[in-house]
Amino acid sequence: MFINYYNLKQSNKLNIKKLTACYLVRQKNKANSIIRLYNYAFENPLDITSIKLLKKKEYHLKRKEFEYE
């Protein structure tokens, strides 16, 4: 998908200054979920091996039971 957006940007069909890729991983069990986000860029968009990690973040989502009155 990244290359499709890169080609649109190169042909001036997509007006953005910076193009990066986001990869999301979700680990789920009965009690909670862990969401991990990774933000990447390519030094050379035509070379998949030029990938570079820019940022990463992890979120822990816990299931909460609601009490009804």
C-alpha atoms as a PDB file:
ATOM      1  CA  MET A   1       0.000   0.000   0.000  1.00  0.00           C
ATOM      2  CA  PHE A   2       2.809   2.428   0.797  1.00  0.00           C
ATOM      3  CA  ILE A   3       4.022   2.411  -2.795  1.00  0.00           C
ATOM      4  CA  ASN A   4       0.530   3.302  -4.051  1.00  0.00           C
ATOM      5  CA  TYR A   5       0.451   6.434  -1.887  1.00  0.00           C
ATOM      6  CA  TYR A   6       4.032   7.230  -2.860  1.00  0.00           C
ATOM      7  CA  ASN A   7       3.106   7.074  -6.551  1.00  0.00           C
ATOM      8  CA  LEU A   8       0.082   9.330  -5.978  1.00  0.00           C
ATOM      9  CA  LYS A   9       2.295  11.828  -4.173  1.00  0.00           C
ATOM     10  CA  GLN A  10       4.892  11.747  -6.967  1.00  0.00           C
ATOM     11  CA  SER A  11       2.215  12.391  -9.607  1.00  0.00           C
ATOM     12  CA  ASN A  12       0.809  15.324  -7.566  1.00  0.00           C
ATOM     13  CA  LYS A  13      -2.516  13.544  -7.049  1.00  0.00           C
ATOM     14  CA  LEU A  14      -1.964  13.477  -3.298  1.00  0.00           C
ATOM     15  CA  ASN A  15      -1.053  16.765  -1.644  1.00  0.00           C
ATOM     16  CA  ILE A  16       0.969  15.822   1.451  1.00  0.00           C
ATOM     17  CA  LYS A  17       4.402  16.824   2.719  1.00  0.00           C
ATOM     18  CA  LYS A  18       5.501  13.648   4.483  1.00  0.00           C
ATOM     19  CA  LEU A  19       4.537  10.038   3.834  1.00  0.00           C
ATOM     20  CA  THR A  20       4.975   7.374   6.519  1.00  0.00           C
ATOM     21  CA  ALA A  21       3.544   3.919   7.161  1.00  0.00           C
ATOM     22  CA  CYS A  22       1.779   2.736  10.315  1.00  0.00           C
ATOM     23  CA  TYR A  23       1.695  -0.906  11.396  1.00  0.00           C
ATOM     24  CA  LEU A  24      -0.739  -1.970  14.119  1.00  0.00           C
ATOM     25  CA  VAL A  25      -0.610  -5.192  16.166  1.00  0.00           C
ATOM     26  CA  ARG A  26      -3.322  -6.265  18.601  1.00  0.00           C
ATOM     27  CA  GLN A  27      -2.818  -8.971  21.214  1.00  0.00           C
ATOM     28  CA  LYS A  28      -6.096  -9.975  22.828  1.00  0.00           C
ATOM     29  CA  ASN A  29      -7.172 -12.175  25.716  1.00  0.00           C
ATOM     30  CA  LYS A  30     -10.316 -12.355  27.893  1.00  0.00           C
ATOM     31  CA  ALA A  31      -9.303  -9.589  30.301  1.00  0.00           C
ATOM     32  CA  ASN A  32      -7.582  -7.020  28.087  1.00  0.00           C
ATOM     33  CA  SER A  33      -5.946  -6.063  24.811  1.00  0.00           C
ATOM     34  CA  ILE A  34      -2.501  -4.758  24.031  1.00  0.00           C
ATOM     35  CA  ILE A  35      -2.268  -2.458  21.030  1.00  0.00           C
ATOM     36  CA  ARG A  36       1.152  -1.768  19.533  1.00  0.00           C
ATOM     37  CA  LEU A  37       1.668   0.941  16.905  1.00  0.00           C
ATOM     38  CA  TYR A  38       4.792   1.284  14.789  1.00  0.00           C
ATOM     39  CA  ASN A  39       5.471   4.268  12.516  1.00  0.00           C
ATOM     40  CA  TYR A  40       7.922   3.693   9.654  1.00  0.00           C
ATOM     41  CA  ALA A  41       9.450   5.612   6.780  1.00  0.00           C
ATOM     42  CA  PHE A  42      11.524   4.509   3.824  1.00  0.00           C
ATOM     43  CA  GLU A  43      14.796   6.269   3.023  1.00  0.00           C
ATOM     44  CA  ASN A  44      14.253   5.102  -0.542  1.00  0.00           C
ATOM     45  CA  PRO A  45      10.541   4.391  -1.142  1.00  0.00           C
ATOM     46  CA  LEU A  46      11.390   2.056  -4.030  1.00  0.00           C
ATOM     47  CA  ASP A  47      13.606  -0.130  -1.810  1.00  0.00           C
ATOM     48  CA  ILE A  48      11.726  -2.111   0.846  1.00  0.00           C
ATOM     49  CA  THR A  49      14.985  -2.802   2.723  1.00  0.00           C
ATOM     50  CA  SER A  50      15.433   0.927   3.419  1.00  0.00           C
ATOM     51  CA  ILE A  51      12.685   0.846   6.058  1.00  0.00           C
ATOM     52  CA  LYS A  52      13.376   2.854   9.216  1.00  0.00           C
ATOM     53  CA  LEU A  53      11.446   2.861  12.504  1.00  0.00           C
ATOM     54  CA  LEU A  54      10.431   6.404  13.477  1.00  0.00           C
ATOM     55  CA  LYS A  55       8.241   5.854  16.551  1.00  0.00           C
ATOM     56  CA  LYS A  56       6.502   3.120  18.463  1.00  0.00           C
ATOM     57  CA  LYS A  57       3.865   3.126  21.172  1.00  0.00           C
ATOM     58  CA  GLU A  58       2.035   0.522  23.241  1.00  0.00           C
ATOM     59  CA  TYR A  59      -1.400   0.810  24.847  1.00  0.00           C
ATOM     60  CA  HIS A  60      -3.006  -1.535  27.378  1.00  0.00           C
ATOM     61  CA  LEU A  61      -6.787  -1.670  27.212  1.00  0.00           C
ATOM     62  CA  LYS A  62      -8.495  -3.321  30.161  1.00  0.00           C
ATOM     63  CA  ARG A  63     -12.025  -4.645  30.136  1.00  0.00           C
ATOM     64  CA  LYS A  64     -14.209  -2.881  32.650  1.00  0.00           C
ATOM     65  CA  GLU A  65     -17.461  -4.326  33.905  1.00  0.00           C
ATOM     66  CA  PHE A  66     -20.278  -1.812  34.264  1.00  0.00           C
ATOM     67  CA  GLU A  67     -22.688  -1.969  37.161  1.00  0.00           C
ATOM     68  CA  TYR A  68     -26.294  -1.346  36.221  1.00  0.00           C
ATOM     69  CA  GLU A  69     -28.790   0.026  38.692  1.00  0.00           C
END
